[in-house]
PDB file of N, CA and C in Angstrom:
ATOM      1  N   MET A   1     -20.325   6.473 -19.355  1.00  0.00           N
ATOM      2  CA  MET A   1     -20.750   5.338 -19.110  1.00  0.00           C
ATOM      3  C   MET A   1     -19.302   5.627 -17.462  1.00  0.00           C
ATOM      4  N   SER A   2     -19.203   5.226 -17.117  1.00  0.00           N
ATOM      5  CA  SER A   2     -18.588   5.508 -15.827  1.00  0.00           C
ATOM      6  C   SER A   2     -17.135   4.064 -15.265  1.00  0.00           C
ATOM      7  N   GLN A   3     -16.234   4.860 -15.312  1.00  0.00           N
ATOM      8  CA  GLN A   3     -15.200   4.165 -15.301  1.00  0.00           C
ATOM      9  C   GLN A   3     -15.105   3.176 -13.833  1.00  0.00           C
ATOM     10  N   PRO A   4     -14.578   1.788 -13.556  1.00  0.00           N
ATOM     11  CA  PRO A   4     -14.872   1.205 -12.895  1.00  0.00           C
ATOM     12  C   PRO A   4     -13.530   2.166 -11.860  1.00  0.00           C
ATOM     13  N   SER A   5     -13.490   2.456 -10.317  1.00  0.00           N
ATOM     14  CA  SER A   5     -12.710   2.882  -9.529  1.00  0.00           C
ATOM     15  C   SER A   5     -11.817   1.741  -8.631  1.00  0.00           C
ATOM     16  N   THR A   6     -10.387   2.701  -9.541  1.00  0.00           N
ATOM     17  CA  THR A   6      -9.246   1.962  -8.500  1.00  0.00           C
ATOM     18  C   THR A   6      -7.850   2.502  -7.855  1.00  0.00           C
ATOM     19  N   ASN A   7      -7.752   2.380  -6.771  1.00  0.00           N
ATOM     20  CA  ASN A   7      -6.797   2.691  -6.181  1.00  0.00           C
ATOM     21  C   ASN A   7      -5.269   2.582  -6.845  1.00  0.00           C
ATOM     22  N   ILE A   8      -4.019   2.865  -5.932  1.00  0.00           N
ATOM     23  CA  ILE A   8      -2.534   2.374  -6.042  1.00  0.00           C
ATOM     24  C   ILE A   8      -2.570   1.471  -5.611  1.00  0.00           C
ATOM     25  N   ALA A   9      -3.281   0.553  -4.464  1.00  0.00           N
ATOM     26  CA  ALA A   9      -3.433   0.092  -3.705  1.00  0.00           C
ATOM     27  C   ALA A   9      -3.704  -1.706  -4.360  1.00  0.00           C
ATOM     28  N   SER A  10      -4.641  -0.934  -5.407  1.00  0.00           N
ATOM     29  CA  SER A  10      -5.079  -2.188  -6.693  1.00  0.00           C
ATOM     30  C   SER A  10      -3.794  -2.514  -7.287  1.00  0.00           C
ATOM     31  N   HIS A  11      -2.922  -1.755  -8.000  1.00  0.00           N
ATOM     32  CA  HIS A  11      -1.365  -2.206  -8.626  1.00  0.00           C
ATOM     33  C   HIS A  11      -0.839  -2.344  -7.625  1.00  0.00           C
ATOM     34  N   LEU A  12      -0.880  -1.968  -6.803  1.00  0.00           N
ATOM     35  CA  LEU A  12       1.054  -2.498  -5.920  1.00  0.00           C
ATOM     36  C   LEU A  12       1.117  -3.799  -6.153  1.00  0.00           C
ATOM     37  N   PRO A  13       0.972  -5.235  -5.700  1.00  0.00           N
ATOM     38  CA  PRO A  13       1.411  -6.371  -6.100  1.00  0.00           C
ATOM     39  C   PRO A  13       2.005  -6.399  -7.539  1.00  0.00           C
ATOM     40  N   ALA A  14       1.454  -6.266  -8.958  1.00  0.00           N
ATOM     41  CA  ALA A  14       1.764  -6.430  -9.699  1.00  0.00           C
ATOM     42  C   ALA A  14       2.626  -5.270 -10.140  1.00  0.00           C
ATOM     43  N   MET A  15       3.381  -4.335 -10.080  1.00  0.00           N
ATOM     44  CA  MET A  15       4.037  -3.052 -10.094  1.00  0.00           C
ATOM     45  C   MET A  15       5.758  -3.849  -9.307  1.00  0.00           C
ATOM     46  N   ALA A  16       5.440  -4.570  -8.298  1.00  0.00           N
ATOM     47  CA  ALA A  16       6.187  -5.091  -7.018  1.00  0.00           C
ATOM     48  C   ALA A  16       6.701  -6.569  -7.917  1.00  0.00           C
ATOM     49  N   ARG A  17       6.190  -7.293  -8.609  1.00  0.00           N
ATOM     50  CA  ARG A  17       6.511  -8.224  -9.276  1.00  0.00           C
ATOM     51  C   ARG A  17       7.168  -8.087 -10.345  1.00  0.00           C
ATOM     52  N   LEU A  18       6.765  -6.608 -10.820  1.00  0.00           N
ATOM     53  CA  LEU A  18       6.768  -6.838 -12.613  1.00  0.00           C
ATOM     54  C   LEU A  18       8.739  -5.316 -12.468  1.00  0.00           C
ATOM     55  N   ASP A  19       9.076  -4.768 -11.190  1.00  0.00           N
ATOM     56  CA  ASP A  19       9.860  -4.084 -11.069  1.00  0.00           C
ATOM     57  C   ASP A  19      10.304  -3.363  -9.737  1.00  0.00           C
ATOM     58  N   PRO A  20      10.771  -4.053  -9.193  1.00  0.00           N
ATOM     59  CA  PRO A  20      10.744  -4.411  -7.821  1.00  0.00           C
ATOM     60  C   PRO A  20      11.576  -3.015  -7.133  1.00  0.00           C
ATOM     61  N   LYS A  21      12.372  -2.782  -7.893  1.00  0.00           N
ATOM     62  CA  LYS A  21      12.803  -2.000  -7.185  1.00  0.00           C
ATOM     63  C   LYS A  21      13.240  -0.581  -8.005  1.00  0.00           C
ATOM     64  N   ARG A  22      12.112  -0.260  -8.945  1.00  0.00           N
ATOM     65  CA  ARG A  22      11.312   0.902  -8.715  1.00  0.00           C
ATOM     66  C   ARG A  22      10.935   1.990  -8.109  1.00  0.00           C
ATOM     67  N   LEU A  23      11.474   3.165  -7.604  1.00  0.00           N
ATOM     68  CA  LEU A  23      11.079   3.197  -6.714  1.00  0.00           C
ATOM     69  C   LEU A  23       9.848   3.823  -7.410  1.00  0.00           C
ATOM     70  N   ALA A  24       8.594   4.376  -5.752  1.00  0.00           N
ATOM     71  CA  ALA A  24       8.039   4.138  -5.656  1.00  0.00           C
ATOM     72  C   ALA A  24       6.863   5.524  -4.741  1.00  0.00           C
ATOM     73  N   ILE A  25       7.801   5.774  -4.268  1.00  0.00           N
ATOM     74  CA  ILE A  25       7.723   7.032  -3.081  1.00  0.00           C
ATOM     75  C   ILE A  25       9.140   7.254  -3.425  1.00  0.00           C
ATOM     76  N   ILE A  26       8.911   8.839  -3.205  1.00  0.00           N
ATOM     77  CA  ILE A  26      10.361   9.656  -3.025  1.00  0.00           C
ATOM     78  C   ILE A  26       9.185  10.515  -2.152  1.00  0.00           C
ATOM     79  N   ALA A  27       9.794  11.189  -0.808  1.00  0.00           N
ATOM     80  CA  ALA A  27       9.384  12.290  -0.062  1.00  0.00           C
ATOM     81  C   ALA A  27      10.739  12.871   0.704  1.00  0.00           C
ATOM     82  N   PRO A  28      10.682  13.621   1.360  1.00  0.00           N
ATOM     83  CA  PRO A  28      11.356  14.677   2.064  1.00  0.00           C
ATOM     84  C   PRO A  28      11.999  13.476   3.319  1.00  0.00           C
ATOM     85  N   GLU A  29      10.814  12.444   3.871  1.00  0.00           N
ATOM     86  CA  GLU A  29      11.468  11.529   4.943  1.00  0.00           C
ATOM     87  C   GLU A  29      12.250  10.236   4.286  1.00  0.00           C
ATOM     88  N   GLY A  30      12.455   9.793   2.786  1.00  0.00           N
ATOM     89  CA  GLY A  30      13.262   8.810   2.487  1.00  0.00           C
ATOM     90  C   GLY A  30      12.145   8.003   1.098  1.00  0.00           C
ATOM     91  N   THR A  31      12.676   7.320   0.393  1.00  0.00           N
ATOM     92  CA  THR A  31      12.286   6.999  -0.273  1.00  0.00           C
ATOM     93  C   THR A  31      12.374   5.200  -0.220  1.00  0.00           C
ATOM     94  N   LEU A  32      10.677   4.403  -0.730  1.00  0.00           N
ATOM     95  CA  LEU A  32      10.845   2.915  -0.933  1.00  0.00           C
ATOM     96  C   LEU A  32      10.439   3.068  -2.318  1.00  0.00           C
ATOM     97  N   THR A  33      11.496   1.955  -2.621  1.00  0.00           N
ATOM     98  CA  THR A  33      10.023   0.802  -3.975  1.00  0.00           C
ATOM     99  C   THR A  33       8.903   0.564  -3.664  1.00  0.00           C
ATOM    100  N   PHE A  34       8.981  -0.026  -5.166  1.00  0.00           N
ATOM    101  CA  PHE A  34       7.410  -1.086  -5.629  1.00  0.00           C
ATOM    102  C   PHE A  34       7.842  -2.240  -4.296  1.00  0.00           C
ATOM    103  N   GLY A  35       9.258  -2.652  -4.782  1.00  0.00           N
ATOM    104  CA  GLY A  35       8.830  -4.446  -3.752  1.00  0.00           C
ATOM    105  C   GLY A  35       9.329  -3.398  -1.753  1.00  0.00           C
ATOM    106  N   GLU A  36       9.788  -2.292  -1.658  1.00  0.00           N
ATOM    107  CA  GLU A  36       9.471  -2.455  -0.059  1.00  0.00           C
ATOM    108  C   GLU A  36       8.278  -2.366   0.872  1.00  0.00           C
ATOM    109  N   LEU A  37       7.644  -1.341  -0.595  1.00  0.00           N
ATOM    110  CA  LEU A  37       6.403  -0.631  -0.151  1.00  0.00           C
ATOM    111  C   LEU A  37       5.310  -1.807  -0.225  1.00  0.00           C
ATOM    112  N   ASP A  38       5.081  -1.990  -0.830  1.00  0.00           N
ATOM    113  CA  ASP A  38       4.543  -4.244  -1.104  1.00  0.00           C
ATOM    114  C   ASP A  38       4.393  -5.085   0.557  1.00  0.00           C
ATOM    115  N   ALA A  39       6.057  -5.152   0.669  1.00  0.00           N
ATOM    116  CA  ALA A  39       6.095  -5.678   1.849  1.00  0.00           C
ATOM    117  C   ALA A  39       5.309  -4.667   2.918  1.00  0.00           C
ATOM    118  N   LYS A  40       5.436  -3.573   3.049  1.00  0.00           N
ATOM    119  CA  LYS A  40       4.803  -3.201   4.219  1.00  0.00           C
ATOM    120  C   LYS A  40       3.837  -2.671   4.264  1.00  0.00           C
ATOM    121  N   SER A  41       2.888  -2.894   3.252  1.00  0.00           N
ATOM    122  CA  SER A  41       1.679  -2.709   2.788  1.00  0.00           C
ATOM    123  C   SER A  41       0.910  -4.367   3.434  1.00  0.00           C
ATOM    124  N   ASP A  42       1.914  -5.199   2.898  1.00  0.00           N
ATOM    125  CA  ASP A  42       1.595  -6.583   3.715  1.00  0.00           C
ATOM    126  C   ASP A  42       1.529  -6.915   4.642  1.00  0.00           C
ATOM    127  N   ALA A  43       2.782  -6.262   5.354  1.00  0.00           N
ATOM    128  CA  ALA A  43       2.892  -6.087   7.120  1.00  0.00           C
ATOM    129  C   ALA A  43       2.169  -5.544   7.837  1.00  0.00           C
ATOM    130  N   TYR A  44       1.870  -4.376   7.378  1.00  0.00           N
ATOM    131  CA  TYR A  44       0.261  -3.830   8.127  1.00  0.00           C
ATOM    132  C   TYR A  44      -1.185  -4.158   7.774  1.00  0.00           C
ATOM    133  N   ALA A  45      -0.916  -4.899   6.569  1.00  0.00           N
ATOM    134  CA  ALA A  45      -2.347  -5.299   6.643  1.00  0.00           C
ATOM    135  C   ALA A  45      -2.907  -7.013   7.289  1.00  0.00           C
ATOM    136  N   ARG A  46      -1.404  -7.994   7.847  1.00  0.00           N
ATOM    137  CA  ARG A  46      -0.916  -9.356   8.634  1.00  0.00           C
ATOM    138  C   ARG A  46      -1.274  -8.829   9.678  1.00  0.00           C
ATOM    139  N   GLY A  47      -0.847  -7.826  10.438  1.00  0.00           N
ATOM    140  CA  GLY A  47      -1.173  -7.006  12.086  1.00  0.00           C
ATOM    141  C   GLY A  47      -2.498  -6.112  11.733  1.00  0.00           C
ATOM    142  N   LEU A  48      -3.032  -5.885  11.017  1.00  0.00           N
ATOM    143  CA  LEU A  48      -4.557  -5.408  11.513  1.00  0.00           C
ATOM    144  C   LEU A  48      -5.397  -6.094  11.172  1.00  0.00           C
ATOM    145  N   GLU A  49      -5.017  -7.975  10.579  1.00  0.00           N
ATOM    146  CA  GLU A  49      -6.051  -8.749  10.366  1.00  0.00           C
ATOM    147  C   GLU A  49      -5.549  -9.343  12.003  1.00  0.00           C
ATOM    148  N   ALA A  50      -4.450  -9.796  12.185  1.00  0.00           N
ATOM    149  CA  ALA A  50      -4.597 -10.379  13.756  1.00  0.00           C
ATOM    150  C   ALA A  50      -5.123  -9.770  14.798  1.00  0.00           C
ATOM    151  N   ILE A  51      -4.908  -8.555  14.755  1.00  0.00           N
ATOM    152  CA  ILE A  51      -6.205  -7.578  15.929  1.00  0.00           C
ATOM    153  C   ILE A  51      -7.648  -7.975  15.588  1.00  0.00           C
ATOM    154  N   GLY A  52      -8.287  -8.418  14.214  1.00  0.00           N
ATOM    155  CA  GLY A  52      -9.516  -8.481  13.867  1.00  0.00           C
ATOM    156  C   GLY A  52     -10.081  -7.673  13.171  1.00  0.00           C
ATOM    157  N   ILE A  53      -9.293  -6.414  11.769  1.00  0.00           N
ATOM    158  CA  ILE A  53      -9.696  -5.801  11.202  1.00  0.00           C
ATOM    159  C   ILE A  53      -9.249  -7.179  10.032  1.00  0.00           C
ATOM    160  N   GLY A  54     -10.389  -6.758   8.753  1.00  0.00           N
ATOM    161  CA  GLY A  54     -10.309  -7.330   7.779  1.00  0.00           C
ATOM    162  C   GLY A  54     -10.884  -6.587   6.676  1.00  0.00           C
ATOM    163  N   ARG A  55      -9.894  -6.796   5.732  1.00  0.00           N
ATOM    164  CA  ARG A  55     -10.312  -6.218   3.886  1.00  0.00           C
ATOM    165  C   ARG A  55     -11.738  -5.049   4.290  1.00  0.00           C
ATOM    166  N   GLY A  56     -11.890  -3.416   4.071  1.00  0.00           N
ATOM    167  CA  GLY A  56     -12.575  -2.685   3.904  1.00  0.00           C
ATOM    168  C   GLY A  56     -13.330  -2.663   4.823  1.00  0.00           C
ATOM    169  N   GLN A  57     -12.607  -2.890   6.686  1.00  0.00           N
ATOM    170  CA  GLN A  57     -13.501  -2.426   8.065  1.00  0.00           C
ATOM    171  C   GLN A  57     -13.660  -0.583   7.621  1.00  0.00           C
ATOM    172  N   TYR A  58     -12.738  -0.742   7.519  1.00  0.00           N
ATOM    173  CA  TYR A  58     -12.112   0.619   8.065  1.00  0.00           C
ATOM    174  C   TYR A  58     -11.622   1.183   6.714  1.00  0.00           C
ATOM    175  N   ARG A  59     -11.165   2.801   7.124  1.00  0.00           N
ATOM    176  CA  ARG A  59     -10.927   3.688   6.043  1.00  0.00           C
ATOM    177  C   ARG A  59     -10.042   4.297   7.276  1.00  0.00           C
ATOM    178  N   LEU A  60      -8.496   4.808   6.751  1.00  0.00           N
ATOM    179  CA  LEU A  60      -7.937   5.894   7.143  1.00  0.00           C
ATOM    180  C   LEU A  60      -8.158   7.163   6.691  1.00  0.00           C
ATOM    181  N   LYS A  61      -8.017   8.088   7.196  1.00  0.00           N
ATOM    182  CA  LYS A  61      -7.907   9.764   7.059  1.00  0.00           C
ATOM    183  C   LYS A  61      -7.150  10.096   7.002  1.00  0.00           C
ATOM    184  N   SER A  62      -7.375  11.672   5.803  1.00  0.00           N
ATOM    185  CA  SER A  62      -6.515  11.704   5.161  1.00  0.00           C
ATOM    186  C   SER A  62      -5.509  12.453   6.112  1.00  0.00           C
ATOM    187  N   GLY A  63      -4.069  12.368   6.526  1.00  0.00           N
ATOM    188  CA  GLY A  63      -2.885  12.853   6.724  1.00  0.00           C
ATOM    189  C   GLY A  63      -2.504  11.742   8.007  1.00  0.00           C
ATOM    190  N   PHE A  64      -2.948  10.514   7.944  1.00  0.00           N
ATOM    191  CA  PHE A  64      -2.084   9.267   8.319  1.00  0.00           C
ATOM    192  C   PHE A  64      -1.128   8.469   8.143  1.00  0.00           C
ATOM    193  N   HIS A  65      -0.412   8.697   8.916  1.00  0.00           N
ATOM    194  CA  HIS A  65       1.338   8.421   8.570  1.00  0.00           C
ATOM    195  C   HIS A  65       1.868   7.216   9.228  1.00  0.00           C
ATOM    196  N   PHE A  66       2.351   6.863   7.939  1.00  0.00           N
ATOM    197  CA  PHE A  66       2.890   4.964   9.271  1.00  0.00           C
ATOM    198  C   PHE A  66       4.450   5.453   9.533  1.00  0.00           C
ATOM    199  N   ARG A  67       5.085   4.768  10.103  1.00  0.00           N
ATOM    200  CA  ARG A  67       6.212   4.722  11.033  1.00  0.00           C
ATOM    201  C   ARG A  67       6.765   3.598  10.669  1.00  0.00           C
TER     202      ARG A  67
END
């Protein structure tokens, strides 16, 4: 029996609530906590919705960088 697919985005809100100051991303460019990452992803989602792009309509290509 196959398991349902999940991704980090499906766990992000819960992690942000449980431990918002815990480091989620460590990269040469800097770090983000789960709280910061959740806030940024929410802001990007609102921006996409504002221009008519809804959940599941598009997928990012590998190598896309948020700034």
